[in-house]
Amino acid sequence: MFLISIIILITAPLAFDASTPQSLTPYIVMLVIFIAACTMIGTFLGVFVKSHSKLTMLSGIMFPVNMLSKTLEYIGMIFPATWGFINLCNRKFEFSSILPIVIIFTCALVISVWKIKQINKI
C-alpha cells in the first residue's frame, strides 16, 4: 500500500497534472499512520469474522459523503478511510486532525489483542 501510494505521488503530477503536497514529511507521516490504522482495522475484522468470504463485501465500496444520510455519514467517521482522505487532502499538518486515526488504531489494536488472547485460551 505504501509503495503504491509513493508511485501515485510521483506519477500523478506527470500523468494528471495533479498538485503535490507542499511538504513531503507530514504527508509521509500521515500516510504511514493511515496505512497502520487500515491494517489494524483489517486485523480487527479478521479476528472477529469467522468466514473470510464475508469480508470481501466490505472492500472497494466508496461513496461521496454528500450522497449519504447523516446517520451513515456519522457511521463513516469510525473508519480510517474517512479521516485518511481528509488528512491527506489537507495542506496543513495538525495533530488534532490525526487524533481520530490514532484513536481508531488504538481501539482496534486493544480489542484485537484482547480477542487473540481469548482465542488462545481456548
PDB file of N, CA and C in Angstrom:
ATOM      1  N   MET A   1       0.828  -1.181   0.000  1.00  0.00           N
ATOM      2  CA  MET A   1       0.000   0.000   0.000  1.00  0.00           C
ATOM      3  C   MET A   1       0.884   1.260   0.000  1.00  0.00           C
ATOM      4  N   PHE A   2       1.950   1.218   0.789  1.00  0.00           N
ATOM      5  CA  PHE A   2       2.852   2.363   0.859  1.00  0.00           C
ATOM      6  C   PHE A   2       3.550   2.580  -0.478  1.00  0.00           C
ATOM      7  N   LEU A   3       4.024   1.492  -1.079  1.00  0.00           N
ATOM      8  CA  LEU A   3       4.725   1.594  -2.351  1.00  0.00           C
ATOM      9  C   LEU A   3       3.810   2.142  -3.446  1.00  0.00           C
ATOM     10  N   ILE A   4       2.586   1.659  -3.493  1.00  0.00           N
ATOM     11  CA  ILE A   4       1.629   2.156  -4.484  1.00  0.00           C
ATOM     12  C   ILE A   4       1.343   3.637  -4.255  1.00  0.00           C
ATOM     13  N   SER A   5       1.226   4.048  -2.995  1.00  0.00           N
ATOM     14  CA  SER A   5       0.990   5.459  -2.686  1.00  0.00           C
ATOM     15  C   SER A   5       2.147   6.332  -3.150  1.00  0.00           C
ATOM     16  N   ILE A   6       3.354   5.858  -2.982  1.00  0.00           N
ATOM     17  CA  ILE A   6       4.528   6.615  -3.423  1.00  0.00           C
ATOM     18  C   ILE A   6       4.566   6.696  -4.955  1.00  0.00           C
ATOM     19  N   ILE A   7       4.244   5.601  -5.620  1.00  0.00           N
ATOM     20  CA  ILE A   7       4.194   5.609  -7.089  1.00  0.00           C
ATOM     21  C   ILE A   7       3.151   6.614  -7.583  1.00  0.00           C
ATOM     22  N   ILE A   8       1.992   6.628  -6.943  1.00  0.00           N
ATOM     23  CA  ILE A   8       0.948   7.596  -7.317  1.00  0.00           C
ATOM     24  C   ILE A   8       1.421   9.014  -7.042  1.00  0.00           C
ATOM     25  N   LEU A   9       2.071   9.222  -5.925  1.00  0.00           N
ATOM     26  CA  LEU A   9       2.593  10.547  -5.576  1.00  0.00           C
ATOM     27  C   LEU A   9       3.554  11.057  -6.644  1.00  0.00           C
ATOM     28  N   ILE A  10       4.372  10.178  -7.179  1.00  0.00           N
ATOM     29  CA  ILE A  10       5.358  10.569  -8.186  1.00  0.00           C
ATOM     30  C   ILE A  10       4.734  10.727  -9.572  1.00  0.00           C
ATOM     31  N   THR A  11       3.849   9.811  -9.950  1.00  0.00           N
ATOM     32  CA  THR A  11       3.330   9.820 -11.325  1.00  0.00           C
ATOM     33  C   THR A  11       2.103  10.704 -11.541  1.00  0.00           C
ATOM     34  N   ALA A  12       1.321  10.962 -10.500  1.00  0.00           N
ATOM     35  CA  ALA A  12       0.094  11.755 -10.681  1.00  0.00           C
ATOM     36  C   ALA A  12       0.357  13.155 -11.222  1.00  0.00           C
ATOM     37  N   PRO A  13       1.375  13.864 -10.755  1.00  0.00           N
ATOM     38  CA  PRO A  13       1.632  15.184 -11.341  1.00  0.00           C
ATOM     39  C   PRO A  13       1.994  15.104 -12.833  1.00  0.00           C
ATOM     40  N   LEU A  14       2.683  14.046 -13.209  1.00  0.00           N
ATOM     41  CA  LEU A  14       3.071  13.885 -14.609  1.00  0.00           C
ATOM     42  C   LEU A  14       1.896  13.469 -15.487  1.00  0.00           C
ATOM     43  N   ALA A  15       1.096  12.532 -15.001  1.00  0.00           N
ATOM     44  CA  ALA A  15       0.013  11.973 -15.807  1.00  0.00           C
ATOM     45  C   ALA A  15      -1.259  12.825 -15.785  1.00  0.00           C
ATOM     46  N   PHE A  16      -1.550  13.435 -14.642  1.00  0.00           N
ATOM     47  CA  PHE A  16      -2.830  14.125 -14.494  1.00  0.00           C
ATOM     48  C   PHE A  16      -2.704  15.598 -14.126  1.00  0.00           C
ATOM     49  N   ASP A  17      -1.494  16.109 -14.121  1.00  0.00           N
ATOM     50  CA  ASP A  17      -1.236  17.496 -13.728  1.00  0.00           C
ATOM     51  C   ASP A  17      -1.764  17.777 -12.317  1.00  0.00           C
ATOM     52  N   ALA A  18      -1.644  16.770 -11.457  1.00  0.00           N
ATOM     53  CA  ALA A  18      -2.094  16.893 -10.063  1.00  0.00           C
ATOM     54  C   ALA A  18      -1.062  17.665  -9.263  1.00  0.00           C
ATOM     55  N   SER A  19      -1.517  18.316  -8.213  1.00  0.00           N
ATOM     56  CA  SER A  19      -0.580  19.037  -7.354  1.00  0.00           C
ATOM     57  C   SER A  19       0.042  18.065  -6.348  1.00  0.00           C
ATOM     58  N   THR A  20       1.255  18.362  -5.960  1.00  0.00           N
ATOM     59  CA  THR A  20       1.940  17.537  -4.970  1.00  0.00           C
ATOM     60  C   THR A  20       1.823  18.203  -3.606  1.00  0.00           C
ATOM     61  N   PRO A  21       2.003  17.443  -2.533  1.00  0.00           N
ATOM     62  CA  PRO A  21       1.958  18.046  -1.203  1.00  0.00           C
ATOM     63  C   PRO A  21       3.047  19.109  -1.053  1.00  0.00           C
ATOM     64  N   GLN A  22       2.727  20.164  -0.303  1.00  0.00           N
ATOM     65  CA  GLN A  22       3.696  21.243  -0.102  1.00  0.00           C
ATOM     66  C   GLN A  22       4.917  20.754   0.663  1.00  0.00           C
ATOM     67  N   SER A  23       4.698  19.890   1.626  1.00  0.00           N
ATOM     68  CA  SER A  23       5.791  19.331   2.406  1.00  0.00           C
ATOM     69  C   SER A  23       5.631  17.813   2.449  1.00  0.00           C
ATOM     70  N   LEU A  24       6.660  17.109   2.033  1.00  0.00           N
ATOM     71  CA  LEU A  24       6.556  15.654   1.956  1.00  0.00           C
ATOM     72  C   LEU A  24       6.601  14.962   3.313  1.00  0.00           C
ATOM     73  N   THR A  25       7.309  15.518   4.280  1.00  0.00           N
ATOM     74  CA  THR A  25       7.432  14.852   5.577  1.00  0.00           C
ATOM     75  C   THR A  25       6.088  14.661   6.269  1.00  0.00           C
ATOM     76  N   PRO A  26       5.267  15.710   6.434  1.00  0.00           N
ATOM     77  CA  PRO A  26       3.956  15.485   7.049  1.00  0.00           C
ATOM     78  C   PRO A  26       3.076  14.549   6.227  1.00  0.00           C
ATOM     79  N   TYR A  27       3.174  14.629   4.922  1.00  0.00           N
ATOM     80  CA  TYR A  27       2.385  13.753   4.055  1.00  0.00           C
ATOM     81  C   TYR A  27       2.768  12.292   4.282  1.00  0.00           C
ATOM     82  N   ILE A  28       4.058  11.997   4.314  1.00  0.00           N
ATOM     83  CA  ILE A  28       4.528  10.620   4.526  1.00  0.00           C
ATOM     84  C   ILE A  28       4.146  10.134   5.922  1.00  0.00           C
ATOM     85  N   VAL A  29       4.291  10.983   6.934  1.00  0.00           N
ATOM     86  CA  VAL A  29       3.902  10.615   8.307  1.00  0.00           C
ATOM     87  C   VAL A  29       2.416  10.261   8.346  1.00  0.00           C
ATOM     88  N   MET A  30       1.582  11.118   7.736  1.00  0.00           N
ATOM     89  CA  MET A  30       0.142  10.858   7.713  1.00  0.00           C
ATOM     90  C   MET A  30      -0.162   9.575   6.951  1.00  0.00           C
ATOM     91  N   LEU A  31       0.535   9.343   5.858  1.00  0.00           N
ATOM     92  CA  LEU A  31       0.340   8.136   5.069  1.00  0.00           C
ATOM     93  C   LEU A  31       0.662   6.882   5.880  1.00  0.00           C
ATOM     94  N   VAL A  32       1.766   6.913   6.618  1.00  0.00           N
ATOM     95  CA  VAL A  32       2.155   5.766   7.453  1.00  0.00           C
ATOM     96  C   VAL A  32       1.118   5.512   8.550  1.00  0.00           C
ATOM     97  N   ILE A  33       0.659   6.574   9.191  1.00  0.00           N
ATOM     98  CA  ILE A  33      -0.372   6.428  10.238  1.00  0.00           C
ATOM     99  C   ILE A  33      -1.661   5.865   9.639  1.00  0.00           C
ATOM    100  N   PHE A  34      -2.052   6.372   8.468  1.00  0.00           N
ATOM    101  CA  PHE A  34      -3.255   5.892   7.784  1.00  0.00           C
ATOM    102  C   PHE A  34      -3.138   4.416   7.426  1.00  0.00           C
ATOM    103  N   ILE A  35      -2.005   4.006   6.869  1.00  0.00           N
ATOM    104  CA  ILE A  35      -1.806   2.604   6.490  1.00  0.00           C
ATOM    105  C   ILE A  35      -1.816   1.706   7.730  1.00  0.00           C
ATOM    106  N   ALA A  36      -1.200   2.164   8.815  1.00  0.00           N
ATOM    107  CA  ALA A  36      -1.204   1.378  10.059  1.00  0.00           C
ATOM    108  C   ALA A  36      -2.625   1.202  10.586  1.00  0.00           C
ATOM    109  N   ALA A  37      -3.435   2.259  10.536  1.00  0.00           N
ATOM    110  CA  ALA A  37      -4.820   2.171  11.012  1.00  0.00           C
ATOM    111  C   ALA A  37      -5.642   1.236  10.129  1.00  0.00           C
ATOM    112  N   CYS A  38      -5.456   1.314   8.819  1.00  0.00           N
ATOM    113  CA  CYS A  38      -6.189   0.414   7.912  1.00  0.00           C
ATOM    114  C   CYS A  38      -5.789  -1.044   8.144  1.00  0.00           C
ATOM    115  N   THR A  39      -4.506  -1.266   8.362  1.00  0.00           N
ATOM    116  CA  THR A  39      -4.027  -2.621   8.639  1.00  0.00           C
ATOM    117  C   THR A  39      -4.609  -3.144   9.946  1.00  0.00           C
ATOM    118  N   MET A  40      -4.681  -2.282  10.946  1.00  0.00           N
ATOM    119  CA  MET A  40      -5.225  -2.702  12.239  1.00  0.00           C
ATOM    120  C   MET A  40      -6.728  -2.987  12.132  1.00  0.00           C
ATOM    121  N   ILE A  41      -7.453  -2.207  11.338  1.00  0.00           N
ATOM    122  CA  ILE A  41      -8.884  -2.497  11.123  1.00  0.00           C
ATOM    123  C   ILE A  41      -9.028  -3.847  10.430  1.00  0.00           C
ATOM    124  N   GLY A  42      -8.148  -4.140   9.470  1.00  0.00           N
ATOM    125  CA  GLY A  42      -8.165  -5.450   8.811  1.00  0.00           C
ATOM    126  C   GLY A  42      -7.894  -6.580   9.789  1.00  0.00           C
ATOM    127  N   THR A  43      -6.958  -6.364  10.704  1.00  0.00           N
ATOM    128  CA  THR A  43      -6.665  -7.352  11.743  1.00  0.00           C
ATOM    129  C   THR A  43      -7.875  -7.544  12.650  1.00  0.00           C
ATOM    130  N   PHE A  44      -8.471  -6.436  13.062  1.00  0.00           N
ATOM    131  CA  PHE A  44      -9.664  -6.462  13.909  1.00  0.00           C
ATOM    132  C   PHE A  44     -10.776  -7.279  13.254  1.00  0.00           C
ATOM    133  N   LEU A  45     -11.048  -6.991  11.977  1.00  0.00           N
ATOM    134  CA  LEU A  45     -12.108  -7.723  11.275  1.00  0.00           C
ATOM    135  C   LEU A  45     -11.738  -9.194  11.095  1.00  0.00           C
ATOM    136  N   GLY A  46     -10.467  -9.463  10.801  1.00  0.00           N
ATOM    137  CA  GLY A  46     -10.027 -10.843  10.625  1.00  0.00           C
ATOM    138  C   GLY A  46     -10.141 -11.678  11.880  1.00  0.00           C
ATOM    139  N   VAL A  47      -9.978 -11.046  13.029  1.00  0.00           N
ATOM    140  CA  VAL A  47     -10.067 -11.767  14.295  1.00  0.00           C
ATOM    141  C   VAL A  47     -11.518 -12.087  14.644  1.00  0.00           C
ATOM    142  N   PHE A  48     -12.437 -11.207  14.274  1.00  0.00           N
ATOM    143  CA  PHE A  48     -13.829 -11.383  14.673  1.00  0.00           C
ATOM    144  C   PHE A  48     -14.702 -12.101  13.649  1.00  0.00           C
ATOM    145  N   VAL A  49     -14.365 -12.054  12.384  1.00  0.00           N
ATOM    146  CA  VAL A  49     -15.198 -12.679  11.351  1.00  0.00           C
ATOM    147  C   VAL A  49     -14.645 -14.061  11.050  1.00  0.00           C
ATOM    148  N   LYS A  50     -15.491 -15.060  11.186  1.00  0.00           N
ATOM    149  CA  LYS A  50     -15.046 -16.439  11.014  1.00  0.00           C
ATOM    150  C   LYS A  50     -14.851 -16.809   9.541  1.00  0.00           C
ATOM    151  N   SER A  51     -15.686 -16.266   8.657  1.00  0.00           N
ATOM    152  CA  SER A  51     -15.591 -16.573   7.235  1.00  0.00           C
ATOM    153  C   SER A  51     -14.996 -15.374   6.494  1.00  0.00           C
ATOM    154  N   HIS A  52     -13.841 -15.597   5.884  1.00  0.00           N
ATOM    155  CA  HIS A  52     -13.162 -14.506   5.187  1.00  0.00           C
ATOM    156  C   HIS A  52     -13.930 -14.051   3.952  1.00  0.00           C
ATOM    157  N   SER A  53     -14.800 -14.915   3.412  1.00  0.00           N
ATOM    158  CA  SER A  53     -15.583 -14.511   2.242  1.00  0.00           C
ATOM    159  C   SER A  53     -16.565 -13.388   2.588  1.00  0.00           C
ATOM    160  N   LYS A  54     -16.960 -13.298   3.852  1.00  0.00           N
ATOM    161  CA  LYS A  54     -17.859 -12.218   4.267  1.00  0.00           C
ATOM    162  C   LYS A  54     -17.144 -10.867   4.275  1.00  0.00           C
ATOM    163  N   LEU A  55     -15.830 -10.882   4.431  1.00  0.00           N
ATOM    164  CA  LEU A  55     -15.067  -9.632   4.466  1.00  0.00           C
ATOM    165  C   LEU A  55     -14.914  -9.001   3.087  1.00  0.00           C
ATOM    166  N   THR A  56     -15.007  -9.803   2.031  1.00  0.00           N
ATOM    167  CA  THR A  56     -14.802  -9.251   0.694  1.00  0.00           C
ATOM    168  C   THR A  56     -15.880  -8.246   0.313  1.00  0.00           C
ATOM    169  N   MET A  57     -17.054  -8.357   0.889  1.00  0.00           N
ATOM    170  CA  MET A  57     -18.109  -7.402   0.546  1.00  0.00           C
ATOM    171  C   MET A  57     -17.852  -6.016   1.151  1.00  0.00           C
ATOM    172  N   LEU A  58     -16.883  -5.905   2.052  1.00  0.00           N
ATOM    173  CA  LEU A  58     -16.548  -4.610   2.633  1.00  0.00           C
ATOM    174  C   LEU A  58     -15.508  -3.847   1.820  1.00  0.00           C
ATOM    175  N   SER A  59     -14.896  -4.493   0.863  1.00  0.00           N
ATOM    176  CA  SER A  59     -13.778  -3.852   0.166  1.00  0.00           C
ATOM    177  C   SER A  59     -14.233  -3.111  -1.087  1.00  0.00           C
ATOM    178  N   GLY A  60     -13.613  -1.976  -1.306  1.00  0.00           N
ATOM    179  CA  GLY A  60     -13.774  -1.265  -2.567  1.00  0.00           C
ATOM    180  C   GLY A  60     -15.031  -0.463  -2.752  1.00  0.00           C
ATOM    181  N   ILE A  61     -15.834  -0.277  -1.738  1.00  0.00           N
ATOM    182  CA  ILE A  61     -17.068   0.486  -1.892  1.00  0.00           C
ATOM    183  C   ILE A  61     -16.885   1.842  -1.236  1.00  0.00           C
ATOM    184  N   MET A  62     -16.952   2.897  -2.049  1.00  0.00           N
ATOM    185  CA  MET A  62     -16.817   4.251  -1.513  1.00  0.00           C
ATOM    186  C   MET A  62     -17.892   5.129  -2.148  1.00  0.00           C
ATOM    187  N   PHE A  63     -18.465   5.987  -1.343  1.00  0.00           N
ATOM    188  CA  PHE A  63     -19.471   6.928  -1.802  1.00  0.00           C
ATOM    189  C   PHE A  63     -19.090   8.326  -1.362  1.00  0.00           C
ATOM    190  N   PRO A  64     -19.378   9.331  -2.176  1.00  0.00           N
ATOM    191  CA  PRO A  64     -19.183  10.703  -1.696  1.00  0.00           C
ATOM    192  C   PRO A  64     -20.090  10.950  -0.494  1.00  0.00           C
ATOM    193  N   VAL A  65     -19.581  11.686   0.470  1.00  0.00           N
ATOM    194  CA  VAL A  65     -20.317  11.897   1.717  1.00  0.00           C
ATOM    195  C   VAL A  65     -21.648  12.619   1.476  1.00  0.00           C
ATOM    196  N   ASN A  66     -21.725  13.433   0.437  1.00  0.00           N
ATOM    197  CA  ASN A  66     -22.984  14.147   0.182  1.00  0.00           C
ATOM    198  C   ASN A  66     -24.086  13.233  -0.355  1.00  0.00           C
ATOM    199  N   MET A  67     -23.752  11.989  -0.700  1.00  0.00           N
ATOM    200  CA  MET A  67     -24.765  11.024  -1.142  1.00  0.00           C
ATOM    201  C   MET A  67     -25.323  10.211   0.027  1.00  0.00           C
ATOM    202  N   LEU A  68     -24.716  10.336   1.189  1.00  0.00           N
ATOM    203  CA  LEU A  68     -25.121   9.543   2.341  1.00  0.00           C
ATOM    204  C   LEU A  68     -26.064  10.315   3.248  1.00  0.00           C
ATOM    205  N   SER A  69     -26.862   9.571   3.975  1.00  0.00           N
ATOM    206  CA  SER A  69     -27.692  10.196   5.006  1.00  0.00           C
ATOM    207  C   SER A  69     -26.783  10.620   6.153  1.00  0.00           C
ATOM    208  N   LYS A  70     -27.271  11.478   7.021  1.00  0.00           N
ATOM    209  CA  LYS A  70     -26.474  11.931   8.166  1.00  0.00           C
ATOM    210  C   LYS A  70     -26.043  10.755   9.041  1.00  0.00           C
ATOM    211  N   THR A  71     -26.939   9.780   9.208  1.00  0.00           N
ATOM    212  CA  THR A  71     -26.621   8.610  10.030  1.00  0.00           C
ATOM    213  C   THR A  71     -25.429   7.851   9.452  1.00  0.00           C
ATOM    214  N   LEU A  72     -25.475   7.578   8.138  1.00  0.00           N
ATOM    215  CA  LEU A  72     -24.368   6.867   7.506  1.00  0.00           C
ATOM    216  C   LEU A  72     -23.091   7.715   7.468  1.00  0.00           C
ATOM    217  N   GLU A  73     -23.265   9.023   7.384  1.00  0.00           N
ATOM    218  CA  GLU A  73     -22.112   9.917   7.422  1.00  0.00           C
ATOM    219  C   GLU A  73     -21.385   9.795   8.766  1.00  0.00           C
ATOM    220  N   TYR A  74     -22.160   9.744   9.849  1.00  0.00           N
ATOM    221  CA  TYR A  74     -21.555   9.597  11.181  1.00  0.00           C
ATOM    222  C   TYR A  74     -20.938   8.214  11.363  1.00  0.00           C
ATOM    223  N   ILE A  75     -21.575   7.182  10.825  1.00  0.00           N
ATOM    224  CA  ILE A  75     -21.013   5.830  10.903  1.00  0.00           C
ATOM    225  C   ILE A  75     -19.690   5.771  10.154  1.00  0.00           C
ATOM    226  N   GLY A  76     -19.608   6.474   9.028  1.00  0.00           N
ATOM    227  CA  GLY A  76     -18.377   6.505   8.245  1.00  0.00           C
ATOM    228  C   GLY A  76     -17.208   7.118   8.976  1.00  0.00           C
ATOM    229  N   MET A  77     -17.494   7.912  10.001  1.00  0.00           N
ATOM    230  CA  MET A  77     -16.428   8.566  10.759  1.00  0.00           C
ATOM    231  C   MET A  77     -15.636   7.584  11.631  1.00  0.00           C
ATOM    232  N   ILE A  78     -16.133   6.347  11.799  1.00  0.00           N
ATOM    233  CA  ILE A  78     -15.381   5.372  12.602  1.00  0.00           C
ATOM    234  C   ILE A  78     -14.359   4.598  11.764  1.00  0.00           C
ATOM    235  N   PHE A  79     -14.337   4.844  10.466  1.00  0.00           N
ATOM    236  CA  PHE A  79     -13.392   4.154   9.595  1.00  0.00           C
ATOM    237  C   PHE A  79     -12.229   5.068   9.223  1.00  0.00           C
ATOM    238  N   PRO A  80     -11.027   4.518   9.150  1.00  0.00           N
ATOM    239  CA  PRO A  80      -9.867   5.356   8.860  1.00  0.00           C
ATOM    240  C   PRO A  80      -9.882   5.969   7.462  1.00  0.00           C
ATOM    241  N   ALA A  81     -10.601   5.380   6.516  1.00  0.00           N
ATOM    242  CA  ALA A  81     -10.617   5.936   5.159  1.00  0.00           C
ATOM    243  C   ALA A  81     -11.156   7.367   5.143  1.00  0.00           C
ATOM    244  N   THR A  82     -12.174   7.642   5.944  1.00  0.00           N
ATOM    245  CA  THR A  82     -12.737   8.993   6.012  1.00  0.00           C
ATOM    246  C   THR A  82     -11.686   9.979   6.493  1.00  0.00           C
ATOM    247  N   TRP A  83     -11.035   9.652   7.592  1.00  0.00           N
ATOM    248  CA  TRP A  83     -10.042  10.551   8.172  1.00  0.00           C
ATOM    249  C   TRP A  83      -8.776  10.603   7.329  1.00  0.00           C
ATOM    250  N   GLY A  84      -8.413   9.478   6.726  1.00  0.00           N
ATOM    251  CA  GLY A  84      -7.251   9.471   5.851  1.00  0.00           C
ATOM    252  C   GLY A  84      -7.441  10.383   4.658  1.00  0.00           C
ATOM    253  N   PHE A  85      -8.625  10.339   4.059  1.00  0.00           N
ATOM    254  CA  PHE A  85      -8.918  11.211   2.922  1.00  0.00           C
ATOM    255  C   PHE A  85      -8.857  12.677   3.338  1.00  0.00           C
ATOM    256  N   ILE A  86      -9.478  12.980   4.465  1.00  0.00           N
ATOM    257  CA  ILE A  86      -9.478  14.363   4.958  1.00  0.00           C
ATOM    258  C   ILE A  86      -8.047  14.841   5.205  1.00  0.00           C
ATOM    259  N   ASN A  87      -7.261  14.028   5.893  1.00  0.00           N
ATOM    260  CA  ASN A  87      -5.906  14.432   6.262  1.00  0.00           C
ATOM    261  C   ASN A  87      -4.942  14.471   5.084  1.00  0.00           C
ATOM    262  N   LEU A  88      -5.063  13.537   4.170  1.00  0.00           N
ATOM    263  CA  LEU A  88      -4.160  13.531   3.021  1.00  0.00           C
ATOM    264  C   LEU A  88      -4.482  14.653   2.034  1.00  0.00           C
ATOM    265  N   CYS A  89      -5.700  15.180   2.102  1.00  0.00           N
ATOM    266  CA  CYS A  89      -6.070  16.314   1.244  1.00  0.00           C
ATOM    267  C   CYS A  89      -5.731  17.654   1.892  1.00  0.00           C
ATOM    268  N   ASN A  90      -5.568  17.674   3.209  1.00  0.00           N
ATOM    269  CA  ASN A  90      -5.238  18.919   3.910  1.00  0.00           C
ATOM    270  C   ASN A  90      -3.854  19.402   3.525  1.00  0.00           C
ATOM    271  N   ARG A  91      -3.724  20.691   3.443  1.00  0.00           N
ATOM    272  CA  ARG A  91      -2.414  21.290   3.160  1.00  0.00           C
ATOM    273  C   ARG A  91      -1.649  21.555   4.451  1.00  0.00           C
ATOM    274  N   LYS A  92      -2.372  21.525   5.580  1.00  0.00           N
ATOM    275  CA  LYS A  92      -1.787  21.841   6.867  1.00  0.00           C
ATOM    276  C   LYS A  92      -1.711  20.578   7.716  1.00  0.00           C
ATOM    277  N   PHE A  93      -0.617  20.401   8.402  1.00  0.00           N
ATOM    278  CA  PHE A  93      -0.416  19.236   9.256  1.00  0.00           C
ATOM    279  C   PHE A  93      -0.703  19.635  10.698  1.00  0.00           C
ATOM    280  N   GLU A  94      -1.775  19.097  11.259  1.00  0.00           N
ATOM    281  CA  GLU A  94      -2.146  19.397  12.642  1.00  0.00           C
ATOM    282  C   GLU A  94      -2.387  18.090  13.387  1.00  0.00           C
ATOM    283  N   PHE A  95      -1.923  18.042  14.637  1.00  0.00           N
ATOM    284  CA  PHE A  95      -2.111  16.832  15.442  1.00  0.00           C
ATOM    285  C   PHE A  95      -3.592  16.536  15.660  1.00  0.00           C
ATOM    286  N   SER A  96      -4.413  17.569  15.811  1.00  0.00           N
ATOM    287  CA  SER A  96      -5.841  17.352  16.065  1.00  0.00           C
ATOM    288  C   SER A  96      -6.528  16.644  14.898  1.00  0.00           C
ATOM    289  N   SER A  97      -5.993  16.788  13.706  1.00  0.00           N
ATOM    290  CA  SER A  97      -6.600  16.105  12.567  1.00  0.00           C
ATOM    291  C   SER A  97      -6.165  14.641  12.483  1.00  0.00           C
ATOM    292  N   ILE A  98      -5.042  14.307  13.119  1.00  0.00           N
ATOM    293  CA  ILE A  98      -4.556  12.930  13.116  1.00  0.00           C
ATOM    294  C   ILE A  98      -5.134  12.138  14.288  1.00  0.00           C
ATOM    295  N   LEU A  99      -5.552  12.823  15.309  1.00  0.00           N
ATOM    296  CA  LEU A  99      -6.047  12.175  16.528  1.00  0.00           C
ATOM    297  C   LEU A  99      -7.134  11.127  16.275  1.00  0.00           C
ATOM    298  N   PRO A 100      -8.146  11.376  15.420  1.00  0.00           N
ATOM    299  CA  PRO A 100      -9.154  10.329  15.196  1.00  0.00           C
ATOM    300  C   PRO A 100      -8.563   9.027  14.640  1.00  0.00           C
ATOM    301  N   ILE A 101      -7.589   9.126  13.737  1.00  0.00           N
ATOM    302  CA  ILE A 101      -6.981   7.910  13.193  1.00  0.00           C
ATOM    303  C   ILE A 101      -6.174   7.188  14.269  1.00  0.00           C
ATOM    304  N   VAL A 102      -5.488   7.928  15.108  1.00  0.00           N
ATOM    305  CA  VAL A 102      -4.719   7.324  16.206  1.00  0.00           C
ATOM    306  C   VAL A 102      -5.668   6.622  17.176  1.00  0.00           C
ATOM    307  N   ILE A 103      -6.807   7.234  17.463  1.00  0.00           N
ATOM    308  CA  ILE A 103      -7.802   6.616  18.351  1.00  0.00           C
ATOM    309  C   ILE A 103      -8.365   5.342  17.725  1.00  0.00           C
ATOM    310  N   ILE A 104      -8.691   5.386  16.433  1.00  0.00           N
ATOM    311  CA  ILE A 104      -9.212   4.202  15.734  1.00  0.00           C
ATOM    312  C   ILE A 104      -8.175   3.080  15.781  1.00  0.00           C
ATOM    313  N   PHE A 105      -6.921   3.415  15.486  1.00  0.00           N
ATOM    314  CA  PHE A 105      -5.834   2.426  15.527  1.00  0.00           C
ATOM    315  C   PHE A 105      -5.718   1.807  16.917  1.00  0.00           C
ATOM    316  N   THR A 106      -5.701   2.654  17.945  1.00  0.00           N
ATOM    317  CA  THR A 106      -5.524   2.175  19.322  1.00  0.00           C
ATOM    318  C   THR A 106      -6.680   1.278  19.751  1.00  0.00           C
ATOM    319  N   CYS A 107      -7.897   1.691  19.470  1.00  0.00           N
ATOM    320  CA  CYS A 107      -9.066   0.870  19.836  1.00  0.00           C
ATOM    321  C   CYS A 107      -9.035  -0.481  19.128  1.00  0.00           C
ATOM    322  N   ALA A 108      -8.747  -0.476  17.829  1.00  0.00           N
ATOM    323  CA  ALA A 108      -8.687  -1.732  17.078  1.00  0.00           C
ATOM    324  C   ALA A 108      -7.564  -2.620  17.598  1.00  0.00           C
ATOM    325  N   LEU A 109      -6.430  -2.023  17.959  1.00  0.00           N
ATOM    326  CA  LEU A 109      -5.304  -2.790  18.494  1.00  0.00           C
ATOM    327  C   LEU A 109      -5.657  -3.441  19.826  1.00  0.00           C
ATOM    328  N   VAL A 110      -6.211  -2.662  20.744  1.00  0.00           N
ATOM    329  CA  VAL A 110      -6.542  -3.176  22.078  1.00  0.00           C
ATOM    330  C   VAL A 110      -7.580  -4.294  21.981  1.00  0.00           C
ATOM    331  N   ILE A 111      -8.610  -4.081  21.187  1.00  0.00           N
ATOM    332  CA  ILE A 111      -9.675  -5.090  21.063  1.00  0.00           C
ATOM    333  C   ILE A 111      -9.153  -6.336  20.360  1.00  0.00           C
ATOM    334  N   SER A 112      -8.311  -6.171  19.342  1.00  0.00           N
ATOM    335  CA  SER A 112      -7.752  -7.323  18.626  1.00  0.00           C
ATOM    336  C   SER A 112      -6.848  -8.152  19.536  1.00  0.00           C
ATOM    337  N   VAL A 113      -6.006  -7.478  20.305  1.00  0.00           N
ATOM    338  CA  VAL A 113      -5.128  -8.202  21.240  1.00  0.00           C
ATOM    339  C   VAL A 113      -5.963  -8.952  22.267  1.00  0.00           C
ATOM    340  N   TRP A 114      -6.998  -8.315  22.798  1.00  0.00           N
ATOM    341  CA  TRP A 114      -7.882  -8.974  23.765  1.00  0.00           C
ATOM    342  C   TRP A 114      -8.521 -10.216  23.148  1.00  0.00           C
ATOM    343  N   LYS A 115      -9.022 -10.083  21.915  1.00  0.00           N
ATOM    344  CA  LYS A 115      -9.692 -11.209  21.256  1.00  0.00           C
ATOM    345  C   LYS A 115      -8.702 -12.339  20.971  1.00  0.00           C
ATOM    346  N   ILE A 116      -7.507 -11.998  20.548  1.00  0.00           N
ATOM    347  CA  ILE A 116      -6.496 -13.034  20.279  1.00  0.00           C
ATOM    348  C   ILE A 116      -6.140 -13.773  21.556  1.00  0.00           C
ATOM    349  N   LYS A 117      -6.041 -13.054  22.661  1.00  0.00           N
ATOM    350  CA  LYS A 117      -5.780 -13.703  23.961  1.00  0.00           C
ATOM    351  C   LYS A 117      -6.930 -14.629  24.329  1.00  0.00           C
ATOM    352  N   GLN A 118      -8.161 -14.224  24.061  1.00  0.00           N
ATOM    353  CA  GLN A 118      -9.325 -15.062  24.340  1.00  0.00           C
ATOM    354  C   GLN A 118      -9.290 -16.331  23.480  1.00  0.00           C
ATOM    355  N   ILE A 119      -8.919 -16.194  22.218  1.00  0.00           N
ATOM    356  CA  ILE A 119      -8.845 -17.339  21.324  1.00  0.00           C
ATOM    357  C   ILE A 119      -7.754 -18.304  21.789  1.00  0.00           C
ATOM    358  N   ASN A 120      -6.623 -17.785  22.216  1.00  0.00           N
ATOM    359  CA  ASN A 120      -5.508 -18.632  22.654  1.00  0.00           C
ATOM    360  C   ASN A 120      -5.807 -19.371  23.955  1.00  0.00           C
ATOM    361  N   LYS A 121      -6.742 -18.880  24.769  1.00  0.00           N
ATOM    362  CA  LYS A 121      -7.120 -19.566  25.999  1.00  0.00           C
ATOM    363  C   LYS A 121      -7.913 -20.823  25.725  1.00  0.00           C
ATOM    364  N   ILE A 122      -8.605 -20.841  24.611  1.00  0.00           N
ATOM    365  CA  ILE A 122      -9.490 -21.974  24.277  1.00  0.00           C
ATOM    366  C   ILE A 122      -8.722 -23.207  23.925  1.00  0.00           C
TER     367      ILE A 122
END
